[in-house]
Amino acid sequence: MEEVEAGEKKLDLRRKVEAVLYIAGRPLTLDEISESTGATRSAVKKVLELLEHEYDEKGTAFTIRQLPGERYVMELREELAPIAERVAPDAVLSEEVMKTLSLIAYLQPVKQSVIAKAVGKAAYSHIRELEIKGFVRSEPEGATRVLRTTDYFSEYFGLSKDIGALKRQLRLRAKVSIPLKLPG
């Protein structure tokens, strides 16, 4: 009987952890998950490891990813993003917009005119979309604007709020080398 009760509690915690990660829509610390579910940090960590393994083993549409600082996020698998974008275009950033965002994040603080030179005219609509979604903020400087990422950007992508640390994280995550000097 004790095994059944223990199993039910574990299942209940599993559902709670899934619910908290799903509804948050952003990375959560182990402490936040623990506090939200009313469970100990160690119990939550075990459930997170279990979920991560289960999702990978079953090949579900979602994955649990651990980020620096004992933070966890539930995400749609990358290969499914194009399908999701057809249904909810505002929920997913296009590859072109992500490239613009990455460039802003790596070069910040950076003039909008520099981004426009590197990306082309589409940069202006990308920047507008990124500002609307809260990933980028801009301040006027002469005839142009200076762009920076927001705290929301750091939280959403599980990156440091410290610009130096953020740039190091981006270099480590980059799939291609980032040029030290922009063309033109």
C-alpha atoms as a PDB file:
ATOM      1  CA  MET A   1       0.000   0.000   0.000  1.00  0.00           C
ATOM      2  CA  GLU A   2       2.867   2.418   0.819  1.00  0.00           C
ATOM      3  CA  GLU A   3       4.375   1.827  -2.650  1.00  0.00           C
ATOM      4  CA  VAL A   4       1.087   2.808  -4.306  1.00  0.00           C
ATOM      5  CA  GLU A   5       0.825   5.978  -2.209  1.00  0.00           C
ATOM      6  CA  ALA A   6       4.446   6.858  -2.957  1.00  0.00           C
ATOM      7  CA  GLY A   7       3.779   6.257  -6.658  1.00  0.00           C
ATOM      8  CA  GLU A   8       0.700   8.502  -6.572  1.00  0.00           C
ATOM      9  CA  LYS A   9       2.645  11.283  -4.838  1.00  0.00           C
ATOM     10  CA  LYS A  10       5.417  11.008  -7.418  1.00  0.00           C
ATOM     11  CA  LEU A  11       2.901  11.102 -10.261  1.00  0.00           C
ATOM     12  CA  ASP A  12       1.198  14.077  -8.647  1.00  0.00           C
ATOM     13  CA  LEU A  13       4.541  15.917  -8.372  1.00  0.00           C
ATOM     14  CA  ARG A  14       5.347  14.990 -11.972  1.00  0.00           C
ATOM     15  CA  ARG A  15       2.110  16.604 -13.136  1.00  0.00           C
ATOM     16  CA  LYS A  16       2.716  19.659 -10.975  1.00  0.00           C
ATOM     17  CA  VAL A  17       6.225  20.142 -12.364  1.00  0.00           C
ATOM     18  CA  GLU A  18       4.971  19.728 -15.940  1.00  0.00           C
ATOM     19  CA  ALA A  19       2.138  22.194 -15.313  1.00  0.00           C
ATOM     20  CA  VAL A  20       4.427  24.810 -13.767  1.00  0.00           C
ATOM     21  CA  LEU A  21       6.984  24.588 -16.600  1.00  0.00           C
ATOM     22  CA  TYR A  22       4.293  24.580 -19.268  1.00  0.00           C
ATOM     23  CA  ILE A  23       2.370  27.579 -17.977  1.00  0.00           C
ATOM     24  CA  ALA A  24       5.460  29.668 -17.131  1.00  0.00           C
ATOM     25  CA  GLY A  25       6.574  29.827 -20.742  1.00  0.00           C
ATOM     26  CA  ARG A  26      10.031  30.856 -19.511  1.00  0.00           C
ATOM     27  CA  PRO A  27      12.913  29.260 -17.644  1.00  0.00           C
ATOM     28  CA  LEU A  28      12.292  28.700 -13.934  1.00  0.00           C
ATOM     29  CA  THR A  29      14.824  28.164 -11.181  1.00  0.00           C
ATOM     30  CA  LEU A  30      14.787  24.972  -9.165  1.00  0.00           C
ATOM     31  CA  ASP A  31      13.680  27.081  -6.200  1.00  0.00           C
ATOM     32  CA  GLU A  32      10.730  28.545  -8.144  1.00  0.00           C
ATOM     33  CA  ILE A  33       9.571  25.088  -9.213  1.00  0.00           C
ATOM     34  CA  SER A  34      10.034  23.728  -5.708  1.00  0.00           C
ATOM     35  CA  GLU A  35       8.086  26.609  -4.174  1.00  0.00           C
ATOM     36  CA  SER A  36       5.295  26.366  -6.765  1.00  0.00           C
ATOM     37  CA  THR A  37       4.835  22.618  -6.321  1.00  0.00           C
ATOM     38  CA  GLY A  38       5.359  22.493  -2.564  1.00  0.00           C
ATOM     39  CA  ALA A  39       8.045  19.833  -2.980  1.00  0.00           C
ATOM     40  CA  THR A  40      11.675  19.691  -1.909  1.00  0.00           C
ATOM     41  CA  ARG A  41      14.414  20.746  -4.290  1.00  0.00           C
ATOM     42  CA  SER A  42      15.787  17.190  -4.426  1.00  0.00           C
ATOM     43  CA  ALA A  43      12.362  15.701  -5.244  1.00  0.00           C
ATOM     44  CA  VAL A  44      11.808  18.295  -7.977  1.00  0.00           C
ATOM     45  CA  LYS A  45      15.272  17.686  -9.425  1.00  0.00           C
ATOM     46  CA  LYS A  46      14.577  13.929  -9.616  1.00  0.00           C
ATOM     47  CA  VAL A  47      11.267  14.570 -11.375  1.00  0.00           C
ATOM     48  CA  LEU A  48      12.934  16.970 -13.830  1.00  0.00           C
ATOM     49  CA  GLU A  49      15.552  14.341 -14.678  1.00  0.00           C
ATOM     50  CA  LEU A  50      12.807  11.736 -15.075  1.00  0.00           C
ATOM     51  CA  LEU A  51      10.784  14.019 -17.372  1.00  0.00           C
ATOM     52  CA  GLU A  52      13.819  14.937 -19.464  1.00  0.00           C
ATOM     53  CA  HIS A  53      14.642  11.242 -19.941  1.00  0.00           C
ATOM     54  CA  GLU A  54      11.016  10.272 -20.674  1.00  0.00           C
ATOM     55  CA  TYR A  55      10.513  13.060 -23.217  1.00  0.00           C
ATOM     56  CA  ASP A  56      13.737  12.148 -25.031  1.00  0.00           C
ATOM     57  CA  GLU A  57      13.033   8.414 -24.933  1.00  0.00           C
ATOM     58  CA  LYS A  58       9.473   8.811 -26.234  1.00  0.00           C
ATOM     59  CA  GLY A  59      10.440  11.492 -28.753  1.00  0.00           C
ATOM     60  CA  THR A  60       7.678  13.835 -27.580  1.00  0.00           C
ATOM     61  CA  ALA A  61       7.140  17.257 -29.118  1.00  0.00           C
ATOM     62  CA  PHE A  62       8.561  18.862 -25.974  1.00  0.00           C
ATOM     63  CA  THR A  63      11.837  18.674 -24.188  1.00  0.00           C
ATOM     64  CA  ILE A  64      13.020  19.740 -20.739  1.00  0.00           C
ATOM     65  CA  ARG A  65      16.286  21.635 -20.885  1.00  0.00           C
ATOM     66  CA  GLN A  66      18.541  22.563 -17.975  1.00  0.00           C
ATOM     67  CA  LEU A  67      20.079  26.017 -18.206  1.00  0.00           C
ATOM     68  CA  PRO A  68      22.853  27.660 -16.177  1.00  0.00           C
ATOM     69  CA  GLY A  69      21.930  28.646 -12.623  1.00  0.00           C
ATOM     70  CA  GLU A  70      19.787  25.573 -11.898  1.00  0.00           C
ATOM     71  CA  ARG A  71      17.080  26.801 -14.268  1.00  0.00           C
ATOM     72  CA  TYR A  72      14.805  24.611 -16.347  1.00  0.00           C
ATOM     73  CA  VAL A  73      12.549  25.229 -19.318  1.00  0.00           C
ATOM     74  CA  MET A  74       9.994  23.190 -21.254  1.00  0.00           C
ATOM     75  CA  GLU A  75      10.446  23.820 -24.961  1.00  0.00           C
ATOM     76  CA  LEU A  76       9.064  22.694 -28.266  1.00  0.00           C
ATOM     77  CA  ARG A  77      11.660  20.632 -30.101  1.00  0.00           C
ATOM     78  CA  GLU A  78      13.522  22.775 -32.617  1.00  0.00           C
ATOM     79  CA  GLU A  79      12.560  20.651 -35.616  1.00  0.00           C
ATOM     80  CA  LEU A  80       8.851  21.273 -34.886  1.00  0.00           C
ATOM     81  CA  ALA A  81       9.089  25.075 -34.839  1.00  0.00           C
ATOM     82  CA  PRO A  82       8.136  25.492 -38.536  1.00  0.00           C
ATOM     83  CA  ILE A  83       4.923  23.521 -37.969  1.00  0.00           C
ATOM     84  CA  ALA A  84       4.039  25.494 -34.848  1.00  0.00           C
ATOM     85  CA  GLU A  85       4.743  28.776 -36.624  1.00  0.00           C
ATOM     86  CA  ARG A  86       2.009  28.017 -39.188  1.00  0.00           C
ATOM     87  CA  VAL A  87      -0.582  27.822 -36.410  1.00  0.00           C
ATOM     88  CA  ALA A  88       0.784  30.491 -34.056  1.00  0.00           C
ATOM     89  CA  PRO A  89       3.061  32.790 -36.061  1.00  0.00           C
ATOM     90  CA  ASP A  90       3.540  35.210 -33.146  1.00  0.00           C
ATOM     91  CA  ALA A  91       4.726  32.453 -30.797  1.00  0.00           C
ATOM     92  CA  VAL A  92       7.864  31.649 -32.792  1.00  0.00           C
ATOM     93  CA  LEU A  93      10.545  33.942 -34.157  1.00  0.00           C
ATOM     94  CA  SER A  94      11.559  33.284 -37.763  1.00  0.00           C
ATOM     95  CA  GLU A  95      15.124  32.262 -38.509  1.00  0.00           C
ATOM     96  CA  GLU A  96      15.813  35.692 -40.044  1.00  0.00           C
ATOM     97  CA  VAL A  97      14.493  37.526 -36.970  1.00  0.00           C
ATOM     98  CA  MET A  98      16.508  35.202 -34.692  1.00  0.00           C
ATOM     99  CA  LYS A  99      19.652  36.054 -36.676  1.00  0.00           C
ATOM    100  CA  THR A 100      18.945  39.770 -36.237  1.00  0.00           C
ATOM    101  CA  LEU A 101      18.317  39.249 -32.513  1.00  0.00           C
ATOM    102  CA  SER A 102      21.556  37.271 -32.160  1.00  0.00           C
ATOM    103  CA  LEU A 103      23.497  40.023 -33.887  1.00  0.00           C
ATOM    104  CA  ILE A 104      21.974  42.684 -31.631  1.00  0.00           C
ATOM    105  CA  ALA A 105      22.698  40.598 -28.534  1.00  0.00           C
ATOM    106  CA  TYR A 106      26.303  39.970 -29.518  1.00  0.00           C
ATOM    107  CA  LEU A 107      27.140  43.518 -30.629  1.00  0.00           C
ATOM    108  CA  GLN A 108      25.130  45.461 -28.042  1.00  0.00           C
ATOM    109  CA  PRO A 109      24.996  48.290 -27.438  1.00  0.00           C
ATOM    110  CA  VAL A 110      24.774  48.656 -31.216  1.00  0.00           C
ATOM    111  CA  LYS A 111      23.406  51.303 -33.542  1.00  0.00           C
ATOM    112  CA  GLN A 112      20.339  50.321 -35.534  1.00  0.00           C
ATOM    113  CA  SER A 113      22.117  51.569 -38.668  1.00  0.00           C
ATOM    114  CA  VAL A 114      24.923  49.021 -38.124  1.00  0.00           C
ATOM    115  CA  ILE A 115      22.361  46.191 -37.878  1.00  0.00           C
ATOM    116  CA  ALA A 116      20.576  47.482 -40.978  1.00  0.00           C
ATOM    117  CA  LYS A 117      23.871  47.478 -42.919  1.00  0.00           C
ATOM    118  CA  ALA A 118      24.578  43.890 -41.880  1.00  0.00           C
ATOM    119  CA  VAL A 119      21.048  42.487 -42.319  1.00  0.00           C
ATOM    120  CA  GLY A 120      19.514  44.750 -44.963  1.00  0.00           C
ATOM    121  CA  LYS A 121      16.237  46.677 -45.035  1.00  0.00           C
ATOM    122  CA  ALA A 122      14.379  43.798 -43.353  1.00  0.00           C
ATOM    123  CA  ALA A 123      16.271  44.675 -40.160  1.00  0.00           C
ATOM    124  CA  TYR A 124      13.835  47.496 -39.435  1.00  0.00           C
ATOM    125  CA  SER A 125      10.797  45.177 -39.387  1.00  0.00           C
ATOM    126  CA  HIS A 126      12.797  42.593 -37.405  1.00  0.00           C
ATOM    127  CA  ILE A 127      13.734  45.206 -34.802  1.00  0.00           C
ATOM    128  CA  ARG A 128      10.127  46.417 -34.570  1.00  0.00           C
ATOM    129  CA  GLU A 129       8.948  42.811 -34.004  1.00  0.00           C
ATOM    130  CA  LEU A 130      11.641  42.249 -31.371  1.00  0.00           C
ATOM    131  CA  GLU A 131      10.666  45.447 -29.541  1.00  0.00           C
ATOM    132  CA  ILE A 132       6.979  44.489 -29.588  1.00  0.00           C
ATOM    133  CA  LYS A 133       7.804  41.046 -28.172  1.00  0.00           C
ATOM    134  CA  GLY A 134       9.967  42.657 -25.484  1.00  0.00           C
ATOM    135  CA  PHE A 135      13.345  41.166 -26.464  1.00  0.00           C
ATOM    136  CA  VAL A 136      14.979  44.440 -27.524  1.00  0.00           C
ATOM    137  CA  ARG A 137      14.792  48.056 -26.416  1.00  0.00           C
ATOM    138  CA  SER A 138      16.055  51.090 -28.274  1.00  0.00           C
ATOM    139  CA  GLU A 139      17.081  54.623 -27.369  1.00  0.00           C
ATOM    140  CA  PRO A 140      17.481  57.530 -29.794  1.00  0.00           C
ATOM    141  CA  GLU A 141      21.028  58.627 -30.601  1.00  0.00           C
ATOM    142  CA  GLY A 142      21.306  61.269 -33.273  1.00  0.00           C
ATOM    143  CA  ALA A 143      19.743  60.083 -36.528  1.00  0.00           C
ATOM    144  CA  THR A 144      19.730  56.449 -35.433  1.00  0.00           C
ATOM    145  CA  ARG A 145      18.833  54.368 -32.388  1.00  0.00           C
ATOM    146  CA  VAL A 146      20.990  52.301 -30.029  1.00  0.00           C
ATOM    147  CA  LEU A 147      19.755  48.752 -29.475  1.00  0.00           C
ATOM    148  CA  ARG A 148      20.126  46.538 -26.411  1.00  0.00           C
ATOM    149  CA  THR A 149      18.529  43.317 -25.264  1.00  0.00           C
ATOM    150  CA  THR A 150      16.143  43.353 -22.293  1.00  0.00           C
ATOM    151  CA  ASP A 151      16.071  41.373 -19.075  1.00  0.00           C
ATOM    152  CA  TYR A 152      13.140  39.467 -20.610  1.00  0.00           C
ATOM    153  CA  PHE A 153      15.452  38.379 -23.455  1.00  0.00           C
ATOM    154  CA  SER A 154      17.954  36.992 -20.928  1.00  0.00           C
ATOM    155  CA  GLU A 155      15.237  35.203 -18.951  1.00  0.00           C
ATOM    156  CA  TYR A 156      13.480  33.798 -22.020  1.00  0.00           C
ATOM    157  CA  PHE A 157      16.645  32.373 -23.573  1.00  0.00           C
ATOM    158  CA  GLY A 158      18.315  31.408 -20.289  1.00  0.00           C
ATOM    159  CA  LEU A 159      21.228  33.791 -20.744  1.00  0.00           C
ATOM    160  CA  SER A 160      23.070  36.038 -18.336  1.00  0.00           C
ATOM    161  CA  LYS A 161      21.901  39.609 -17.808  1.00  0.00           C
ATOM    162  CA  ASP A 162      25.560  40.661 -17.581  1.00  0.00           C
ATOM    163  CA  ILE A 163      26.553  41.762 -21.109  1.00  0.00           C
ATOM    164  CA  GLY A 164      30.085  40.328 -20.927  1.00  0.00           C
ATOM    165  CA  ALA A 165      28.864  36.945 -19.689  1.00  0.00           C
ATOM    166  CA  LEU A 166      26.024  36.974 -22.225  1.00  0.00           C
ATOM    167  CA  LYS A 167      28.468  37.515 -25.090  1.00  0.00           C
ATOM    168  CA  ARG A 168      30.631  34.624 -23.859  1.00  0.00           C
ATOM    169  CA  GLN A 169      27.529  32.395 -23.685  1.00  0.00           C
ATOM    170  CA  LEU A 170      26.577  33.369 -27.239  1.00  0.00           C
ATOM    171  CA  ARG A 171      30.079  32.543 -28.517  1.00  0.00           C
ATOM    172  CA  LEU A 172      29.873  29.115 -26.870  1.00  0.00           C
ATOM    173  CA  ARG A 173      26.398  28.406 -28.289  1.00  0.00           C
ATOM    174  CA  ALA A 174      27.085  29.723 -31.806  1.00  0.00           C
ATOM    175  CA  LYS A 175      26.944  27.055 -34.485  1.00  0.00           C
ATOM    176  CA  VAL A 176      29.068  29.223 -36.768  1.00  0.00           C
ATOM    177  CA  SER A 177      31.919  31.538 -35.936  1.00  0.00           C
ATOM    178  CA  ILE A 178      30.884  35.105 -35.267  1.00  0.00           C
ATOM    179  CA  PRO A 179      32.879  37.570 -37.370  1.00  0.00           C
ATOM    180  CA  LEU A 180      34.847  40.099 -35.371  1.00  0.00           C
ATOM    181  CA  LYS A 181      34.237  42.803 -37.988  1.00  0.00           C
ATOM    182  CA  LEU A 182      31.000  43.386 -39.879  1.00  0.00           C
ATOM    183  CA  PRO A 183      31.118  43.580 -43.675  1.00  0.00           C
ATOM    184  CA  GLY A 184      30.870  47.050 -45.265  1.00  0.00           C
END
